[in-house]
């Protein structure tokens, strides 16, 4: 179960740690697609980036949520 993180008496959401992890994974995916020149096969790149971020975030929350 995910619980709040306490720093100096202030409570922070566990998403404060999980969102940057998902962002890094989606940035690596975007970099790999551009490096391999596969980005041209994606119709709407912005929507793909958002979808990849959401999927990575869901996977990370599932894995670290236990």
N, C-alpha and C. Protein backbone atom coordinates (compact mmCIF):
# COMPACT_ATOMS: atom_id res chain seq x y z
N UNK A 1 0.85 -1.18 0.00
CA UNK A 1 0.00 0.00 0.00
C UNK A 1 0.89 1.24 0.00
N UNK A 2 0.53 2.21 -0.78
CA UNK A 2 1.28 3.46 -0.85
C UNK A 2 0.88 4.36 0.31
N UNK A 3 1.87 4.94 0.96
CA UNK A 3 1.62 5.83 2.09
C UNK A 3 2.31 7.16 1.84
N UNK A 4 1.88 8.17 2.58
CA UNK A 4 2.48 9.49 2.43
C UNK A 4 3.92 9.47 2.91
N UNK A 5 4.73 10.34 2.32
CA UNK A 5 6.11 10.51 2.74
C UNK A 5 6.19 11.74 3.63
N UNK A 6 6.89 11.62 4.75
CA UNK A 6 6.98 12.73 5.69
C UNK A 6 8.39 13.31 5.68
N UNK A 7 8.49 14.59 5.35
CA UNK A 7 9.76 15.31 5.40
C UNK A 7 9.56 16.58 6.21
N UNK A 8 10.20 16.66 7.34
CA UNK A 8 10.11 17.85 8.17
C UNK A 8 8.71 18.14 8.65
N UNK A 9 7.92 17.12 8.88
CA UNK A 9 6.55 17.30 9.35
C UNK A 9 5.55 17.56 8.25
N UNK A 10 6.01 17.65 7.01
CA UNK A 10 5.10 17.86 5.89
C UNK A 10 4.86 16.53 5.20
N UNK A 11 3.63 16.28 4.80
CA UNK A 11 3.28 15.03 4.13
C UNK A 11 3.25 15.24 2.62
N UNK A 12 3.88 14.33 1.89
CA UNK A 12 3.93 14.39 0.44
C UNK A 12 3.34 13.12 -0.15
N UNK A 13 2.75 13.24 -1.29
CA UNK A 13 2.17 12.10 -1.99
C UNK A 13 3.27 11.18 -2.49
N UNK A 14 3.03 9.87 -2.50
CA UNK A 14 4.03 8.96 -3.06
C UNK A 14 4.23 9.16 -4.56
N UNK A 15 3.29 9.81 -5.21
CA UNK A 15 3.45 10.11 -6.63
C UNK A 15 4.59 11.10 -6.87
N UNK A 16 5.02 11.79 -5.83
CA UNK A 16 6.14 12.70 -5.95
C UNK A 16 7.41 11.96 -6.36
N UNK A 17 7.51 10.70 -6.03
CA UNK A 17 8.65 9.87 -6.42
C UNK A 17 8.35 9.09 -7.69
N UNK A 18 7.11 8.64 -7.86
CA UNK A 18 6.76 7.76 -8.95
C UNK A 18 6.62 8.49 -10.29
N UNK A 19 6.14 9.71 -10.28
CA UNK A 19 5.96 10.47 -11.53
C UNK A 19 7.29 10.76 -12.23
N UNK A 20 8.34 11.19 -11.52
CA UNK A 20 9.62 11.37 -12.23
C UNK A 20 10.17 10.07 -12.82
N UNK A 21 9.93 8.95 -12.16
CA UNK A 21 10.39 7.67 -12.72
C UNK A 21 9.68 7.38 -14.04
N UNK A 22 8.37 7.61 -14.08
CA UNK A 22 7.61 7.39 -15.32
C UNK A 22 8.03 8.38 -16.39
N UNK A 23 8.33 9.62 -16.00
CA UNK A 23 8.77 10.62 -16.97
C UNK A 23 10.11 10.23 -17.59
N UNK A 24 11.02 9.72 -16.77
CA UNK A 24 12.33 9.30 -17.29
C UNK A 24 12.17 8.14 -18.26
N UNK A 25 11.32 7.16 -17.92
CA UNK A 25 11.08 6.04 -18.83
C UNK A 25 10.47 6.49 -20.15
N UNK A 26 9.52 7.42 -20.08
CA UNK A 26 8.91 7.89 -21.32
C UNK A 26 9.89 8.73 -22.14
N UNK A 27 10.77 9.47 -21.47
CA UNK A 27 11.79 10.24 -22.19
C UNK A 27 12.79 9.31 -22.87
N UNK A 28 13.15 8.22 -22.20
CA UNK A 28 14.06 7.24 -22.81
C UNK A 28 13.40 6.59 -24.02
N UNK A 29 12.10 6.27 -23.90
CA UNK A 29 11.37 5.70 -25.03
C UNK A 29 11.34 6.66 -26.21
N UNK A 30 11.06 7.93 -25.92
CA UNK A 30 11.03 8.93 -26.99
C UNK A 30 12.40 9.08 -27.65
N UNK A 31 13.46 9.11 -26.84
CA UNK A 31 14.81 9.22 -27.38
C UNK A 31 15.16 8.01 -28.25
N UNK A 32 14.78 6.82 -27.79
CA UNK A 32 15.06 5.61 -28.56
C UNK A 32 14.31 5.61 -29.89
N UNK A 33 13.06 6.06 -29.88
CA UNK A 33 12.29 6.11 -31.12
C UNK A 33 12.91 7.10 -32.11
N UNK A 34 13.37 8.22 -31.61
CA UNK A 34 13.99 9.20 -32.50
C UNK A 34 15.36 8.72 -32.98
N UNK A 35 16.08 8.06 -32.12
CA UNK A 35 17.41 7.56 -32.49
C UNK A 35 17.32 6.46 -33.54
N UNK A 36 16.31 5.59 -33.41
CA UNK A 36 16.12 4.50 -34.37
C UNK A 36 15.29 4.91 -35.57
N UNK A 37 14.89 6.18 -35.61
CA UNK A 37 14.09 6.75 -36.70
C UNK A 37 12.74 6.03 -36.86
N UNK A 38 12.17 5.63 -35.75
CA UNK A 38 10.85 4.99 -35.77
C UNK A 38 9.73 5.97 -35.43
N UNK A 39 10.07 7.19 -35.07
CA UNK A 39 9.06 8.18 -34.70
C UNK A 39 8.19 8.58 -35.88
N UNK A 40 8.66 8.38 -37.07
CA UNK A 40 7.88 8.77 -38.25
C UNK A 40 6.67 7.88 -38.47
N UNK A 41 6.63 6.71 -37.83
CA UNK A 41 5.49 5.81 -37.95
C UNK A 41 4.38 6.13 -36.95
N UNK A 42 4.63 7.06 -36.07
CA UNK A 42 3.63 7.45 -35.07
C UNK A 42 2.83 8.61 -35.62
N UNK A 43 1.51 8.46 -35.62
CA UNK A 43 0.66 9.46 -36.24
C UNK A 43 0.66 10.77 -35.46
N UNK A 44 0.34 10.71 -34.18
CA UNK A 44 0.32 11.89 -33.31
C UNK A 44 1.34 11.67 -32.19
N UNK A 45 2.48 12.30 -32.31
CA UNK A 45 3.56 12.05 -31.37
C UNK A 45 3.25 12.54 -29.96
N UNK A 46 2.56 13.65 -29.84
CA UNK A 46 2.23 14.17 -28.52
C UNK A 46 1.30 13.22 -27.77
N UNK A 47 0.31 12.68 -28.47
CA UNK A 47 -0.60 11.72 -27.83
C UNK A 47 0.13 10.44 -27.46
N UNK A 48 1.07 10.04 -28.30
CA UNK A 48 1.86 8.84 -27.98
C UNK A 48 2.69 9.07 -26.73
N UNK A 49 3.28 10.25 -26.60
CA UNK A 49 4.09 10.56 -25.41
C UNK A 49 3.23 10.53 -24.15
N UNK A 50 2.06 11.11 -24.22
CA UNK A 50 1.16 11.11 -23.06
C UNK A 50 0.72 9.69 -22.72
N UNK A 51 0.38 8.90 -23.73
CA UNK A 51 -0.05 7.52 -23.49
C UNK A 51 1.07 6.69 -22.91
N UNK A 52 2.30 6.87 -23.40
CA UNK A 52 3.43 6.13 -22.86
C UNK A 52 3.67 6.51 -21.40
N UNK A 53 3.58 7.81 -21.09
CA UNK A 53 3.75 8.26 -19.71
C UNK A 53 2.70 7.64 -18.78
N UNK A 54 1.46 7.64 -19.21
CA UNK A 54 0.38 7.08 -18.38
C UNK A 54 0.57 5.58 -18.19
N UNK A 55 0.96 4.88 -19.25
CA UNK A 55 1.19 3.43 -19.14
C UNK A 55 2.36 3.13 -18.22
N UNK A 56 3.44 3.88 -18.36
CA UNK A 56 4.58 3.68 -17.46
C UNK A 56 4.21 3.99 -16.02
N UNK A 57 3.45 5.04 -15.81
CA UNK A 57 3.03 5.39 -14.45
C UNK A 57 2.15 4.29 -13.85
N UNK A 58 1.24 3.75 -14.64
CA UNK A 58 0.38 2.67 -14.15
C UNK A 58 1.20 1.43 -13.78
N UNK A 59 2.19 1.11 -14.61
CA UNK A 59 3.04 -0.06 -14.32
C UNK A 59 3.85 0.17 -13.05
N UNK A 60 4.40 1.36 -12.90
CA UNK A 60 5.21 1.66 -11.70
C UNK A 60 4.35 1.64 -10.45
N UNK A 61 3.15 2.22 -10.50
CA UNK A 61 2.27 2.20 -9.34
C UNK A 61 1.87 0.77 -9.01
N UNK A 62 1.63 -0.05 -10.01
CA UNK A 62 1.28 -1.45 -9.78
C UNK A 62 2.44 -2.19 -9.12
N UNK A 63 3.66 -1.97 -9.61
CA UNK A 63 4.82 -2.69 -9.08
C UNK A 63 5.21 -2.23 -7.68
N UNK A 64 5.17 -0.93 -7.43
CA UNK A 64 5.59 -0.41 -6.13
C UNK A 64 4.43 -0.22 -5.16
N UNK A 65 3.22 -0.52 -5.58
CA UNK A 65 2.06 -0.31 -4.73
C UNK A 65 1.86 -1.37 -3.67
N UNK A 66 2.58 -2.47 -3.77
CA UNK A 66 2.40 -3.56 -2.79
C UNK A 66 3.06 -3.28 -1.51
